[in-house]
Amino acid sequence: MPNYRRIHIPNTPIFITSVTKDRIPYFNLSKNINLFYSVLENVQKSHPFEMVAQVLLPDHFHWIIQMPDDSEGFSIIMQSFKGNF
């Protein structure tokens, strides 16, 4: 498993890109798009953050998020999102 270094700079927007497994275009289906936004809403309730911008494409997505100063970090957000999707 890779050992990524994540530098935390308070009050700095974070750019995230995530790709589907094998680049399968799951987000071509409306049921998966609805699930995407439902899971995102639930994750934001559990781990508050501000969604500054987002792009949803057939096989990946981009987010720019702003974390509160006392946040656990964006890794927990991604873990929660992927685990619940």
Protein backbone atom coordinates (compact mmCIF):
# COMPACT_ATOMS: atom_id res chain seq x y z
CA MET A 1 0.00 0.00 0.00
CA PRO A 2 1.37 3.44 -0.88
CA ASN A 3 2.57 5.75 1.85
CA TYR A 4 1.13 9.07 0.70
CA ARG A 5 2.23 12.25 2.45
CA ARG A 6 -0.58 14.64 3.07
CA ILE A 7 0.36 18.11 4.20
CA HIS A 8 -2.32 19.90 6.20
CA ILE A 9 -2.44 23.65 5.68
CA PRO A 10 -5.29 25.22 7.66
CA ASN A 11 -7.94 27.17 5.74
CA THR A 12 -6.73 25.84 2.38
CA PRO A 13 -9.12 24.30 -0.17
CA ILE A 14 -8.36 20.68 -1.02
CA PHE A 15 -8.58 19.32 -4.57
CA ILE A 16 -9.64 15.66 -4.77
CA THR A 17 -9.95 13.37 -7.79
CA SER A 18 -11.32 9.86 -7.49
CA VAL A 19 -11.67 7.30 -10.28
CA THR A 20 -14.05 4.32 -10.39
CA LYS A 21 -12.63 0.81 -10.29
CA ASP A 22 -11.33 -0.14 -13.73
CA ARG A 23 -12.71 3.20 -14.94
CA ILE A 24 -16.16 1.66 -15.35
CA PRO A 25 -18.60 4.50 -16.20
CA TYR A 26 -20.93 4.00 -13.22
CA PHE A 27 -22.07 7.61 -13.35
CA ASN A 28 -23.76 7.14 -16.72
CA LEU A 29 -26.77 5.71 -14.87
CA SER A 30 -29.19 8.01 -13.10
CA LYS A 31 -29.63 5.57 -10.18
CA ASN A 32 -25.88 5.75 -9.50
CA ILE A 33 -25.87 9.54 -9.80
CA ASN A 34 -28.72 9.69 -7.27
CA LEU A 35 -26.80 7.34 -4.97
CA PHE A 36 -23.67 9.50 -5.36
CA TYR A 37 -25.47 12.64 -4.15
CA SER A 38 -27.34 10.80 -1.40
CA VAL A 39 -24.11 9.36 0.00
CA LEU A 40 -22.38 12.74 -0.34
CA GLU A 41 -25.15 14.42 1.66
CA ASN A 42 -24.89 11.80 4.43
CA VAL A 43 -21.10 12.07 4.56
CA GLN A 44 -21.33 15.87 4.89
CA LYS A 45 -23.65 15.43 7.87
CA SER A 46 -21.25 13.00 9.57
CA HIS A 47 -18.02 14.79 8.64
CA PRO A 48 -18.82 18.46 7.95
CA PHE A 49 -17.04 20.21 5.10
CA GLU A 50 -17.89 22.83 2.51
CA MET A 51 -18.19 21.71 -1.10
CA VAL A 52 -16.59 24.59 -3.02
CA ALA A 53 -16.88 22.97 -6.45
CA GLN A 54 -17.47 19.57 -7.99
CA VAL A 55 -17.52 17.83 -11.34
CA LEU A 56 -19.09 14.42 -11.88
CA LEU A 57 -18.00 12.55 -15.02
CA PRO A 58 -18.91 9.01 -16.14
CA ASP A 59 -15.89 7.31 -14.56
CA HIS A 60 -14.51 9.82 -12.04
CA PHE A 61 -15.21 12.95 -10.06
CA HIS A 62 -13.40 16.06 -8.87
CA TRP A 63 -14.09 17.94 -5.68
CA ILE A 64 -12.72 21.11 -4.19
CA ILE A 65 -13.58 21.07 -0.51
CA GLN A 66 -12.91 23.32 2.44
CA MET A 67 -12.41 21.64 5.80
CA PRO A 68 -13.21 23.22 9.16
CA ASP A 69 -10.16 23.96 11.31
CA ASP A 70 -11.03 21.19 13.80
CA SER A 71 -11.68 18.53 11.13
CA GLU A 72 -10.38 14.98 11.16
CA GLY A 73 -8.96 15.45 7.67
CA PHE A 74 -10.19 14.65 4.20
CA SER A 75 -9.07 11.00 4.30
CA ILE A 76 -11.96 10.12 6.62
CA ILE A 77 -14.36 11.85 4.22
CA MET A 78 -13.12 9.80 1.28
CA GLN A 79 -13.13 6.59 3.32
CA SER A 80 -16.71 7.23 4.41
CA PHE A 81 -17.85 8.21 0.90
CA LYS A 82 -16.31 5.21 -0.85
CA GLY A 83 -17.38 2.79 1.87
CA ASN A 84 -20.99 3.91 1.64
CA PHE A 85 -21.22 4.17 -2.13
